[in-house]
Each structure stands twice: as C-alpha cells, then as structure tokens.
Amino acid sequence: DDALRADVICREDLPVSALQVFGEPGSDWINTMVDAVVDESVRQGSVAMESTVAETMQELRDFMFERVYLRPEARPQRERAIAVIRNLVDHFIEHPEEVPDTYRLDDADAVERAIDYVSGMTDRYALRVYDDLFRPEGID
C-alpha cells in the first residue's frame, strides 16, 4: 500500500494473482488475510492459513522484494531504516526501564525485550520514538 501511494509501483504492476485473491490493495487485502487465518485455524484446530492465500502472499512477497525493497533506489532508505532500528534496540537495551511493562512480563533478558518492543513498532511510531530520543529540540 505504501509503495502504491509513493508511486514506486502502480496497481497494474501488481501480480494478477494478488488482485484475484486479495481484491483491491488496502483493507481488502488485510481482511482477506485475516479471514484466511481465522477460517483455516478453525478448520485445523491450530493457527494456520488457507493454502491459496499463503501461496499468493509468497508471490506478492517475492514481487515486493524484487520491485520495491531491493531496488537500487531504495538503498539509502533501507540503510536509514537499519540505523534507526539498531539505535532504538541499543537504546532500549541500555535503558530497559523505558520498555513498556507489557514487554517485561516474562523472564526474557533486556536484549530480547528491546528487540520485541522495537519489532512491534509501526514505521511511523519507530521514527517518532527515534526523533524523540535522538533528535535535538528545535532541529527539523
């Protein structure tokens, strides 16, 4: 969805199978995937996904890596994302008291808690936390 909004790809670039199985990009895709997990999990009695949806997700994943994530133009963004994630994880390892209590319930060490916390952040939230932690006041 982000790649479509940023005009990195257009709807016509998407694999036909993705449009046939998932419908229109956005909420249709999410609903289809969630329904496929719920329905198949009920059928099997354990968490699973319908095979057609799982196969189509893999096709879409392969497409996205080839056309979006690994394209040369994306390298600077990818490197910045890696730096942001590393800095956040390092910060929360050094300051475990800043990790929300919901990530401190089990016997995991500070490294695992920091990784769990950062990996659960959305892109926007991670960037906001990063800016709050590392960007001096008054600098945009």
N, C-alpha and C. Protein backbone atom coordinates (compact mmCIF):
# COMPACT_ATOMS: atom_id res chain seq x y z
N ASP A 1 0.83 -1.20 0.00
CA ASP A 1 0.00 0.00 0.00
C ASP A 1 0.87 1.26 0.00
N ASP A 2 1.92 1.28 0.83
CA ASP A 2 2.82 2.44 0.86
C ASP A 2 3.50 2.64 -0.49
N ALA A 3 3.94 1.55 -1.11
CA ALA A 3 4.62 1.64 -2.40
C ALA A 3 3.69 2.18 -3.48
N LEU A 4 2.41 1.86 -3.40
CA LEU A 4 1.44 2.40 -4.35
C LEU A 4 1.25 3.89 -4.13
N ARG A 5 1.10 4.30 -2.88
CA ARG A 5 0.90 5.72 -2.56
C ARG A 5 2.11 6.55 -2.94
N ALA A 6 3.30 5.95 -2.82
CA ALA A 6 4.54 6.66 -3.15
C ALA A 6 4.88 6.59 -4.64
N ASP A 7 4.01 5.95 -5.41
CA ASP A 7 4.22 5.80 -6.86
C ASP A 7 5.50 5.04 -7.20
N VAL A 8 5.92 4.15 -6.31
CA VAL A 8 7.05 3.27 -6.61
C VAL A 8 6.59 2.19 -7.58
N ILE A 9 5.36 1.74 -7.36
CA ILE A 9 4.69 0.80 -8.27
C ILE A 9 3.27 1.32 -8.49
N CYS A 10 2.62 0.81 -9.51
CA CYS A 10 1.21 1.15 -9.72
C CYS A 10 0.40 -0.15 -9.67
N ARG A 11 -0.89 0.00 -9.54
CA ARG A 11 -1.78 -1.16 -9.41
C ARG A 11 -1.55 -2.17 -10.53
N GLU A 12 -1.31 -1.68 -11.73
CA GLU A 12 -1.13 -2.57 -12.88
C GLU A 12 0.16 -3.39 -12.78
N ASP A 13 1.10 -2.96 -11.95
CA ASP A 13 2.35 -3.70 -11.76
C ASP A 13 2.15 -4.93 -10.87
N LEU A 14 1.12 -4.90 -10.04
CA LEU A 14 0.91 -5.97 -9.07
C LEU A 14 0.64 -7.30 -9.76
N PRO A 15 1.08 -8.39 -9.14
CA PRO A 15 0.77 -9.70 -9.72
C PRO A 15 -0.75 -9.89 -9.84
N VAL A 16 -1.19 -10.41 -10.96
CA VAL A 16 -2.62 -10.63 -11.20
C VAL A 16 -3.19 -11.52 -10.11
N SER A 17 -2.42 -12.52 -9.68
CA SER A 17 -2.90 -13.44 -8.64
C SER A 17 -3.25 -12.69 -7.36
N ALA A 18 -2.47 -11.67 -7.02
CA ALA A 18 -2.74 -10.90 -5.80
C ALA A 18 -4.07 -10.18 -5.90
N LEU A 19 -4.33 -9.58 -7.04
CA LEU A 19 -5.60 -8.87 -7.23
C LEU A 19 -6.78 -9.84 -7.26
N GLN A 20 -6.58 -11.02 -7.84
CA GLN A 20 -7.66 -12.01 -7.90
C GLN A 20 -7.99 -12.57 -6.53
N VAL A 21 -6.96 -12.87 -5.74
CA VAL A 21 -7.17 -13.50 -4.43
C VAL A 21 -7.51 -12.47 -3.36
N PHE A 22 -6.79 -11.34 -3.34
CA PHE A 22 -6.94 -10.37 -2.26
C PHE A 22 -7.93 -9.25 -2.55
N GLY A 23 -8.20 -8.98 -3.80
CA GLY A 23 -9.05 -7.84 -4.14
C GLY A 23 -8.21 -6.59 -4.29
N GLU A 24 -8.80 -5.46 -4.00
CA GLU A 24 -8.10 -4.18 -4.15
C GLU A 24 -7.12 -3.97 -3.00
N PRO A 25 -5.95 -3.38 -3.30
CA PRO A 25 -4.96 -3.11 -2.25
C PRO A 25 -5.56 -2.27 -1.13
N GLY A 26 -5.13 -2.56 0.08
CA GLY A 26 -5.61 -1.83 1.24
C GLY A 26 -6.39 -2.75 2.16
N SER A 27 -7.54 -2.28 2.62
CA SER A 27 -8.30 -3.04 3.61
C SER A 27 -8.80 -4.37 3.08
N ASP A 28 -9.08 -4.48 1.78
CA ASP A 28 -9.49 -5.77 1.22
C ASP A 28 -8.41 -6.82 1.46
N TRP A 29 -7.17 -6.43 1.27
CA TRP A 29 -6.06 -7.38 1.44
C TRP A 29 -5.97 -7.84 2.89
N ILE A 30 -6.05 -6.90 3.80
CA ILE A 30 -5.96 -7.24 5.22
C ILE A 30 -7.12 -8.15 5.61
N ASN A 31 -8.33 -7.80 5.21
CA ASN A 31 -9.49 -8.62 5.54
C ASN A 31 -9.36 -10.03 4.98
N THR A 32 -8.89 -10.15 3.74
CA THR A 32 -8.73 -11.47 3.13
C THR A 32 -7.72 -12.31 3.91
N MET A 33 -6.61 -11.71 4.28
CA MET A 33 -5.58 -12.44 5.02
C MET A 33 -6.06 -12.86 6.40
N VAL A 34 -6.71 -11.94 7.10
CA VAL A 34 -7.23 -12.26 8.43
C VAL A 34 -8.28 -13.37 8.34
N ASP A 35 -9.21 -13.24 7.40
CA ASP A 35 -10.23 -14.27 7.22
C ASP A 35 -9.60 -15.62 6.90
N ALA A 36 -8.55 -15.62 6.07
CA ALA A 36 -7.89 -16.87 5.69
C ALA A 36 -7.23 -17.54 6.89
N VAL A 37 -6.71 -16.76 7.81
CA VAL A 37 -6.11 -17.33 9.02
C VAL A 37 -7.20 -17.83 9.96
N VAL A 38 -8.22 -17.02 10.18
CA VAL A 38 -9.30 -17.42 11.10
C VAL A 38 -10.01 -18.67 10.59
N ASP A 39 -10.43 -18.66 9.34
CA ASP A 39 -11.17 -19.80 8.79
C ASP A 39 -10.35 -21.08 8.82
N GLU A 40 -9.11 -21.02 8.39
CA GLU A 40 -8.28 -22.23 8.35
C GLU A 40 -7.90 -22.68 9.75
N SER A 41 -7.70 -21.75 10.66
CA SER A 41 -7.38 -22.11 12.04
C SER A 41 -8.54 -22.85 12.70
N VAL A 42 -9.75 -22.39 12.43
CA VAL A 42 -10.94 -23.07 12.96
C VAL A 42 -11.02 -24.48 12.38
N ARG A 43 -10.79 -24.61 11.08
CA ARG A 43 -10.84 -25.93 10.43
C ARG A 43 -9.80 -26.90 10.98
N GLN A 44 -8.58 -26.39 11.19
CA GLN A 44 -7.49 -27.27 11.60
C GLN A 44 -7.34 -27.41 13.11
N GLY A 45 -7.91 -26.49 13.85
CA GLY A 45 -7.77 -26.55 15.29
C GLY A 45 -6.45 -25.98 15.80
N SER A 46 -5.67 -25.37 14.91
CA SER A 46 -4.44 -24.67 15.29
C SER A 46 -4.23 -23.54 14.28
N VAL A 47 -3.37 -22.61 14.63
CA VAL A 47 -3.18 -21.44 13.78
C VAL A 47 -2.61 -21.86 12.43
N ALA A 48 -3.31 -21.49 11.37
CA ALA A 48 -2.90 -21.83 10.01
C ALA A 48 -3.53 -20.83 9.05
N MET A 49 -3.10 -20.88 7.79
CA MET A 49 -3.66 -20.01 6.75
C MET A 49 -4.04 -20.86 5.56
N GLU A 50 -5.13 -20.49 4.91
CA GLU A 50 -5.55 -21.21 3.70
C GLU A 50 -4.40 -21.23 2.70
N SER A 51 -4.18 -22.36 2.07
CA SER A 51 -3.01 -22.53 1.20
C SER A 51 -3.00 -21.57 0.01
N THR A 52 -4.15 -21.32 -0.59
CA THR A 52 -4.20 -20.40 -1.74
C THR A 52 -3.75 -19.01 -1.34
N VAL A 53 -4.21 -18.55 -0.20
CA VAL A 53 -3.83 -17.22 0.28
C VAL A 53 -2.35 -17.20 0.65
N ALA A 54 -1.88 -18.26 1.32
CA ALA A 54 -0.47 -18.33 1.70
C ALA A 54 0.44 -18.32 0.46
N GLU A 55 0.07 -19.07 -0.56
CA GLU A 55 0.87 -19.10 -1.79
C GLU A 55 0.87 -17.74 -2.49
N THR A 56 -0.28 -17.09 -2.50
CA THR A 56 -0.37 -15.77 -3.13
C THR A 56 0.42 -14.75 -2.34
N MET A 57 0.41 -14.86 -1.02
CA MET A 57 1.22 -13.97 -0.19
C MET A 57 2.70 -14.13 -0.52
N GLN A 58 3.14 -15.37 -0.73
CA GLN A 58 4.54 -15.60 -1.07
C GLN A 58 4.88 -14.97 -2.43
N GLU A 59 3.98 -15.11 -3.39
CA GLU A 59 4.19 -14.47 -4.71
C GLU A 59 4.30 -12.95 -4.55
N LEU A 60 3.40 -12.39 -3.75
CA LEU A 60 3.41 -10.95 -3.54
C LEU A 60 4.68 -10.52 -2.81
N ARG A 61 5.09 -11.31 -1.84
CA ARG A 61 6.33 -11.02 -1.10
C ARG A 61 7.53 -11.00 -2.06
N ASP A 62 7.63 -12.02 -2.90
CA ASP A 62 8.72 -12.08 -3.87
C ASP A 62 8.71 -10.85 -4.79
N PHE A 63 7.51 -10.50 -5.26
CA PHE A 63 7.36 -9.32 -6.12
C PHE A 63 7.83 -8.06 -5.40
N MET A 64 7.39 -7.89 -4.15
CA MET A 64 7.74 -6.68 -3.40
C MET A 64 9.24 -6.58 -3.16
N PHE A 65 9.88 -7.70 -2.86
CA PHE A 65 11.32 -7.65 -2.67
C PHE A 65 12.02 -7.24 -3.96
N GLU A 66 11.60 -7.83 -5.06
CA GLU A 66 12.23 -7.53 -6.34
C GLU A 66 11.98 -6.10 -6.80
N ARG A 67 10.74 -5.65 -6.70
CA ARG A 67 10.36 -4.37 -7.29
C ARG A 67 10.41 -3.19 -6.34
N VAL A 68 10.40 -3.44 -5.03
CA VAL A 68 10.34 -2.32 -4.09
C VAL A 68 11.53 -2.33 -3.13
N TYR A 69 11.64 -3.36 -2.31
CA TYR A 69 12.61 -3.34 -1.22
C TYR A 69 14.07 -3.39 -1.67
N LEU A 70 14.38 -4.18 -2.69
CA LEU A 70 15.78 -4.37 -3.08
C LEU A 70 16.20 -3.58 -4.31
N ARG A 71 15.37 -2.71 -4.80
CA ARG A 71 15.75 -1.91 -5.96
C ARG A 71 16.82 -0.91 -5.52
N PRO A 72 17.75 -0.60 -6.40
CA PRO A 72 18.88 0.28 -6.02
C PRO A 72 18.45 1.62 -5.43
N GLU A 73 17.36 2.18 -5.93
CA GLU A 73 16.91 3.49 -5.43
C GLU A 73 16.49 3.43 -3.97
N ALA A 74 16.18 2.25 -3.47
CA ALA A 74 15.71 2.10 -2.09
C ALA A 74 16.85 1.95 -1.09
N ARG A 75 18.08 1.80 -1.58
CA ARG A 75 19.20 1.52 -0.69
C ARG A 75 19.38 2.57 0.42
N PRO A 76 19.37 3.87 0.11
CA PRO A 76 19.53 4.85 1.20
C PRO A 76 18.45 4.73 2.27
N GLN A 77 17.21 4.51 1.86
CA GLN A 77 16.13 4.35 2.84
C GLN A 77 16.33 3.09 3.67
N ARG A 78 16.75 2.00 3.01
CA ARG A 78 16.98 0.74 3.71
C ARG A 78 18.08 0.91 4.75
N GLU A 79 19.16 1.60 4.37
CA GLU A 79 20.26 1.83 5.31
C GLU A 79 19.83 2.70 6.48
N ARG A 80 19.00 3.71 6.20
CA ARG A 80 18.50 4.56 7.29
C ARG A 80 17.59 3.75 8.22
N ALA A 81 16.74 2.91 7.64
CA ALA A 81 15.85 2.09 8.45
C ALA A 81 16.65 1.17 9.37
N ILE A 82 17.69 0.57 8.83
CA ILE A 82 18.54 -0.31 9.64
C ILE A 82 19.19 0.47 10.78
N ALA A 83 19.68 1.67 10.48
CA ALA A 83 20.30 2.50 11.51
C ALA A 83 19.30 2.89 12.59
N VAL A 84 18.09 3.25 12.19
CA VAL A 84 17.05 3.61 13.17
C VAL A 84 16.76 2.42 14.07
N ILE A 85 16.56 1.25 13.49
CA ILE A 85 16.24 0.06 14.28
C ILE A 85 17.39 -0.28 15.23
N ARG A 86 18.61 -0.26 14.73
CA ARG A 86 19.77 -0.57 15.59
C ARG A 86 19.87 0.41 16.75
N ASN A 87 19.71 1.70 16.46
CA ASN A 87 19.80 2.70 17.52
C ASN A 87 18.69 2.53 18.55
N LEU A 88 17.49 2.23 18.09
CA LEU A 88 16.39 2.01 19.04
C LEU A 88 16.64 0.79 19.91
N VAL A 89 17.04 -0.31 19.30
CA VAL A 89 17.31 -1.52 20.08
C VAL A 89 18.43 -1.25 21.08
N ASP A 90 19.52 -0.65 20.63
CA ASP A 90 20.63 -0.34 21.55
C ASP A 90 20.16 0.54 22.70
N HIS A 91 19.36 1.55 22.39
CA HIS A 91 18.86 2.45 23.43
C HIS A 91 18.04 1.68 24.47
N PHE A 92 17.14 0.83 24.01
CA PHE A 92 16.27 0.12 24.95
C PHE A 92 16.99 -0.99 25.70
N ILE A 93 18.10 -1.49 25.15
CA ILE A 93 18.94 -2.42 25.91
C ILE A 93 19.62 -1.66 27.05
N GLU A 94 20.10 -0.46 26.75
CA GLU A 94 20.78 0.36 27.76
C GLU A 94 19.81 0.98 28.76
N HIS A 95 18.55 1.11 28.37
CA HIS A 95 17.53 1.72 29.24
C HIS A 95 16.30 0.81 29.31
N PRO A 96 16.45 -0.38 29.90
CA PRO A 96 15.33 -1.34 29.91
C PRO A 96 14.10 -0.83 30.66
N GLU A 97 14.29 0.13 31.54
CA GLU A 97 13.15 0.69 32.28
C GLU A 97 12.20 1.46 31.36
N GLU A 98 12.66 1.84 30.17
CA GLU A 98 11.82 2.56 29.22
C GLU A 98 10.97 1.64 28.34
N VAL A 99 11.22 0.34 28.42
CA VAL A 99 10.41 -0.62 27.67
C VAL A 99 9.09 -0.78 28.40
N PRO A 100 7.96 -0.65 27.72
CA PRO A 100 6.66 -0.79 28.39
C PRO A 100 6.53 -2.11 29.15
N ASP A 101 5.77 -2.07 30.23
CA ASP A 101 5.59 -3.25 31.08
C ASP A 101 5.09 -4.47 30.32
N THR A 102 4.31 -4.26 29.27
CA THR A 102 3.77 -5.41 28.53
C THR A 102 4.88 -6.26 27.91
N TYR A 103 6.07 -5.70 27.76
CA TYR A 103 7.20 -6.45 27.21
C TYR A 103 8.11 -6.98 28.31
N ARG A 104 7.73 -6.78 29.58
CA ARG A 104 8.56 -7.22 30.70
C ARG A 104 7.87 -8.28 31.54
N LEU A 105 6.90 -8.97 30.98
CA LEU A 105 6.13 -9.94 31.76
C LEU A 105 6.83 -11.28 31.93
N ASP A 106 7.62 -11.69 30.96
CA ASP A 106 8.25 -13.00 31.07
C ASP A 106 9.69 -12.86 31.57
N ASP A 107 10.41 -13.94 31.50
CA ASP A 107 11.78 -13.93 32.02
C ASP A 107 12.82 -13.59 30.94
N ALA A 108 12.39 -12.93 29.88
CA ALA A 108 13.31 -12.54 28.81
C ALA A 108 14.31 -11.51 29.32
N ASP A 109 15.50 -11.55 28.75
CA ASP A 109 16.51 -10.57 29.14
C ASP A 109 16.27 -9.24 28.43
N ALA A 110 17.09 -8.25 28.76
CA ALA A 110 16.91 -6.90 28.22
C ALA A 110 17.03 -6.87 26.69
N VAL A 111 17.90 -7.70 26.14
CA VAL A 111 18.08 -7.72 24.69
C VAL A 111 16.81 -8.21 24.01
N GLU A 112 16.26 -9.31 24.48
CA GLU A 112 15.05 -9.86 23.87
C GLU A 112 13.87 -8.91 24.03
N ARG A 113 13.76 -8.28 25.19
CA ARG A 113 12.66 -7.33 25.40
C ARG A 113 12.78 -6.12 24.47
N ALA A 114 14.00 -5.62 24.31
CA ALA A 114 14.21 -4.48 23.42
C ALA A 114 13.86 -4.85 21.99
N ILE A 115 14.30 -6.02 21.56
CA ILE A 115 14.01 -6.47 20.20
C ILE A 115 12.51 -6.67 20.01
N ASP A 116 11.85 -7.30 20.98
CA ASP A 116 10.40 -7.50 20.89
C ASP A 116 9.66 -6.16 20.80
N TYR A 117 10.08 -5.21 21.62
CA TYR A 117 9.43 -3.91 21.63
C TYR A 117 9.60 -3.19 20.29
N VAL A 118 10.82 -3.10 19.81
CA VAL A 118 11.09 -2.38 18.57
C VAL A 118 10.45 -3.09 17.38
N SER A 119 10.49 -4.41 17.37
CA SER A 119 9.91 -5.14 16.23
C SER A 119 8.40 -4.98 16.15
N GLY A 120 7.76 -4.63 17.25
CA GLY A 120 6.32 -4.43 17.25
C GLY A 120 5.90 -3.01 16.87
N MET A 121 6.87 -2.13 16.66
CA MET A 121 6.55 -0.74 16.32
C MET A 121 6.18 -0.62 14.84
N THR A 122 5.23 0.25 14.55
CA THR A 122 4.98 0.60 13.14
C THR A 122 6.12 1.49 12.67
N ASP A 123 6.24 1.65 11.38
CA ASP A 123 7.29 2.52 10.84
C ASP A 123 7.17 3.93 11.41
N ARG A 124 5.98 4.47 11.37
CA ARG A 124 5.77 5.85 11.83
C ARG A 124 6.08 6.01 13.31
N TYR A 125 5.65 5.03 14.11
CA TYR A 125 5.90 5.10 15.54
C TYR A 125 7.40 5.00 15.83
N ALA A 126 8.09 4.08 15.15
CA ALA A 126 9.53 3.93 15.35
C ALA A 126 10.26 5.23 15.01
N LEU A 127 9.88 5.87 13.92
CA LEU A 127 10.53 7.13 13.55
C LEU A 127 10.23 8.23 14.57
N ARG A 128 9.01 8.24 15.09
CA ARG A 128 8.66 9.25 16.11
C ARG A 128 9.47 9.03 17.39
N VAL A 129 9.56 7.77 17.83
CA VAL A 129 10.35 7.45 19.03
C VAL A 129 11.82 7.81 18.78
N TYR A 130 12.32 7.45 17.62
CA TYR A 130 13.71 7.77 17.27
C TYR A 130 13.95 9.28 17.34
N ASP A 131 13.06 10.04 16.73
CA ASP A 131 13.21 11.50 16.76
C ASP A 131 13.16 12.03 18.19
N ASP A 132 12.24 11.50 18.99
CA ASP A 132 12.14 11.94 20.39
C ASP A 132 13.43 11.64 21.17
N LEU A 133 14.04 10.50 20.87
CA LEU A 133 15.23 10.09 21.61
C LEU A 133 16.52 10.74 21.11
N PHE A 134 16.64 10.89 19.80
CA PHE A 134 17.94 11.24 19.23
C PHE A 134 18.02 12.58 18.51
N ARG A 135 16.90 13.19 18.23
CA ARG A 135 16.95 14.46 17.51
C ARG A 135 16.84 15.60 18.52
N PRO A 136 17.85 16.48 18.55
CA PRO A 136 17.79 17.60 19.50
C PRO A 136 16.58 18.49 19.24
N GLU A 137 16.08 19.09 20.29
CA GLU A 137 14.95 20.01 20.19
C GLU A 137 15.29 21.15 19.23
N GLY A 138 14.32 21.52 18.42
CA GLY A 138 14.47 22.66 17.52
C GLY A 138 15.13 22.36 16.20
N ILE A 139 15.55 21.10 15.99
CA ILE A 139 16.16 20.73 14.71
C ILE A 139 15.18 19.87 13.95
N ASP A 140 14.86 20.29 12.74
CA ASP A 140 13.93 19.53 11.90
C ASP A 140 14.66 18.78 10.83
